[in-house]
Protein backbone atom coordinates (compact mmCIF):
# COMPACT_ATOMS: atom_id res chain seq x y z
CA UNK A 1 39.95 123.41 117.86
CA UNK A 2 39.81 119.16 118.32
CA UNK A 3 43.01 117.96 120.39
CA UNK A 4 43.44 114.53 118.29
CA UNK A 5 45.86 114.11 116.87
CA UNK A 6 47.84 111.08 114.76
CA UNK A 7 50.43 109.49 115.73
CA UNK A 8 53.60 111.03 115.04
CA UNK A 9 55.91 109.08 112.14
CA UNK A 10 59.11 107.70 113.95
CA UNK A 11 62.22 109.74 113.04
CA UNK A 12 64.65 107.36 111.41
CA UNK A 13 64.25 103.94 110.02
CA UNK A 14 66.15 101.18 111.96
CA UNK A 15 65.83 103.72 115.15
CA UNK A 16 63.68 102.01 117.56
CA UNK A 17 61.34 103.94 119.03
CA UNK A 18 58.15 104.95 120.12
CA UNK A 19 54.90 107.47 119.40
CA UNK A 20 53.01 108.62 122.13
CA UNK A 21 50.22 110.12 120.72
CA UNK A 22 46.22 110.99 120.84
CA UNK A 23 44.17 113.18 122.59
CA UNK A 24 47.21 115.41 123.45
CA UNK A 25 48.87 118.69 122.80
CA UNK A 26 52.26 117.25 122.86
CA UNK A 27 52.09 114.39 120.65
CA UNK A 28 55.78 113.01 120.64
CA UNK A 29 58.53 110.52 119.31
CA UNK A 30 61.12 108.61 122.20
CA UNK A 31 64.00 106.30 121.63
CA UNK A 32 65.70 104.09 125.01
CA UNK A 33 68.32 106.62 124.34
CA UNK A 34 65.56 109.29 125.20
CA UNK A 35 63.92 107.72 128.08
CA UNK A 36 67.29 107.36 129.88
CA UNK A 37 68.62 110.79 129.75
CA UNK A 38 65.28 112.42 130.37
CA UNK A 39 63.70 111.06 133.71
CA UNK A 40 65.12 109.72 136.63
CA UNK A 41 65.44 105.75 136.64
CA UNK A 42 63.77 103.54 139.00
CA UNK A 43 64.00 99.75 139.51
CA UNK A 44 61.93 97.27 139.81
CA UNK A 45 62.43 93.30 140.99
CA UNK A 46 58.97 91.29 139.05
CA UNK A 47 57.52 88.25 139.45
CA UNK A 48 55.42 87.31 137.22
CA UNK A 49 53.49 84.43 135.42
CA UNK A 50 53.99 83.67 131.59
CA UNK A 51 51.79 81.67 130.30
CA UNK A 52 53.59 79.99 128.23
CA UNK A 53 57.06 79.87 130.41
CA UNK A 54 56.18 79.80 134.22
CA UNK A 55 57.20 81.97 136.40
CA UNK A 56 59.63 84.83 135.21
CA UNK A 57 61.98 86.84 137.64
CA UNK A 58 63.44 90.08 136.14
CA UNK A 59 64.77 93.54 137.88
CA UNK A 60 64.09 96.44 135.34
CA UNK A 61 65.11 99.96 135.40
CA UNK A 62 63.13 102.07 134.02
CA UNK A 63 60.81 105.68 134.54
CA UNK A 64 57.16 106.45 135.34
CA UNK A 65 55.11 105.71 133.19
CA UNK A 66 52.55 108.85 134.01
CA UNK A 67 56.00 111.03 134.06
CA UNK A 68 56.97 110.06 129.91
CA UNK A 69 53.24 110.68 129.47
CA UNK A 70 52.51 114.18 131.16
CA UNK A 71 55.52 115.01 128.42
CA UNK A 72 52.56 114.79 125.69
CA UNK A 73 50.21 117.19 127.37
CA UNK A 74 47.34 114.88 127.85
CA UNK A 75 44.12 116.47 126.88
CA UNK A 76 42.05 117.16 130.45
CA UNK A 77 43.31 119.41 133.26
CA UNK A 78 45.45 117.85 135.47
CA UNK A 79 43.93 119.89 138.66
CA UNK A 80 40.45 118.12 137.58
CA UNK A 81 40.60 114.89 139.22
CA UNK A 82 37.82 113.37 137.36
CA UNK A 83 38.98 113.92 133.65
CA UNK A 84 41.79 112.94 134.66
CA UNK A 85 39.84 110.07 135.91
CA UNK A 86 38.80 109.50 132.70
CA UNK A 87 41.23 109.22 130.34
CA UNK A 88 43.08 105.73 129.21
CA UNK A 89 46.53 104.65 127.45
CA UNK A 90 46.76 101.43 124.87
CA UNK A 91 49.79 100.78 125.54
CA UNK A 92 50.80 98.70 122.06
CA UNK A 93 54.38 95.96 121.60
CA UNK A 94 55.93 95.28 118.17
CA UNK A 95 54.84 91.32 118.06
CA UNK A 96 51.09 92.48 117.99
CA UNK A 97 50.07 92.16 122.15
CA UNK A 98 48.73 95.71 123.24
CA UNK A 99 46.81 96.23 126.69
CA UNK A 100 44.48 99.30 128.50
CA UNK A 101 45.13 101.10 131.89
CA UNK A 102 43.77 103.81 133.19
CA UNK A 103 44.81 106.79 134.30
CA UNK A 104 43.82 106.03 137.41
CA UNK A 105 46.24 103.01 137.75
CA UNK A 106 48.78 105.12 137.71
CA UNK A 107 47.49 108.52 138.86
CA UNK A 108 49.28 110.01 142.32
CA UNK A 109 45.75 110.75 143.47
CA UNK A 110 43.99 107.42 142.85
CA UNK A 111 45.57 104.03 142.52
CA UNK A 112 49.59 105.48 142.78
CA UNK A 113 50.63 102.35 140.92
CA UNK A 114 54.64 102.67 139.72
CA UNK A 115 54.18 101.20 136.50
CA UNK A 116 57.61 101.92 134.43
CA UNK A 117 58.68 101.86 130.79
CA UNK A 118 61.47 99.83 131.10
CA UNK A 119 64.84 100.96 129.35
CA UNK A 120 67.17 97.55 130.94
CA UNK A 121 65.40 94.66 131.84
CA UNK A 122 68.02 92.52 133.38
CA UNK A 123 71.74 93.12 132.10
CA UNK A 124 70.28 93.92 129.03
CA UNK A 125 69.95 97.02 127.39
CA UNK A 126 66.42 97.48 125.53
CA UNK A 127 68.01 100.27 123.10
CA UNK A 128 67.24 97.85 119.71
CA UNK A 129 64.38 96.81 121.03
CA UNK A 130 62.17 99.58 122.46
CA UNK A 131 61.21 99.69 125.70
CA UNK A 132 58.66 97.34 127.77
CA UNK A 133 55.95 98.52 129.67
CA UNK A 134 56.18 96.38 133.71
CA UNK A 135 53.51 96.51 135.81
CA UNK A 136 54.65 95.46 139.60
CA UNK A 137 51.68 94.95 140.98
CA UNK A 138 50.81 91.77 138.12
CA UNK A 139 51.15 88.27 139.13
CA UNK A 140 49.99 87.46 135.11
CA UNK A 141 52.26 88.74 132.58
CA UNK A 142 49.46 89.36 130.02
CA UNK A 143 50.53 93.20 130.86
CA UNK A 144 54.69 93.25 130.36
CA UNK A 145 54.55 94.98 126.95
CA UNK A 146 57.53 94.40 125.16
CA UNK A 147 59.12 96.62 122.23
CA UNK A 148 56.59 99.37 122.95
CA UNK A 149 55.52 100.63 119.81
CA UNK A 150 53.24 103.68 120.53
CA UNK A 151 51.36 104.79 123.89
CA UNK A 152 47.78 106.50 122.36
CA UNK A 153 46.08 108.38 125.60
CA UNK A 154 42.59 109.11 125.41
CA UNK A 155 39.14 109.81 127.27
CA UNK A 156 36.70 106.96 127.29
CA UNK A 157 33.89 107.96 126.07
CA UNK A 158 30.59 106.41 127.44
CA UNK A 159 27.87 105.99 124.23
CA UNK A 160 24.24 107.71 124.95
CA UNK A 161 26.61 110.22 127.77
CA UNK A 162 28.12 113.61 127.17
CA UNK A 163 30.52 114.84 129.17
CA UNK A 164 31.11 118.44 129.85
């Protein structure tokens, strides 16, 4: 049986939510409220350069991305580092922007980057628009994805190669 799954549908029209889907055992749709209630909230004070608006200074609060993604139970054996290092996640925003990160970037055994799914930016709760991806180590704002609509999780498959 394949672990691949289609993106779950948002539960209610008009409610900002996002889906975790792909090569996962438990696809799920979450809201900003779910993120706020289900995980420890971390704080990140960041400065990044926006190509259209110049330097941006913001304070974000939210859970670590890796902890939220674990809820969907990605299709790798957590004990096998090489399996984890092949996984990617594509984060899509409501405005059409998207980015791809590797599991190894956020994994505590590898890059351990404290990437957040923000529930609050400065003094504004993000319940109405959806969470924002925050990559505190980035000097460029291109991977700060607002109004996240879905996150696909899957393995990087190299053409012509078969992995065990």
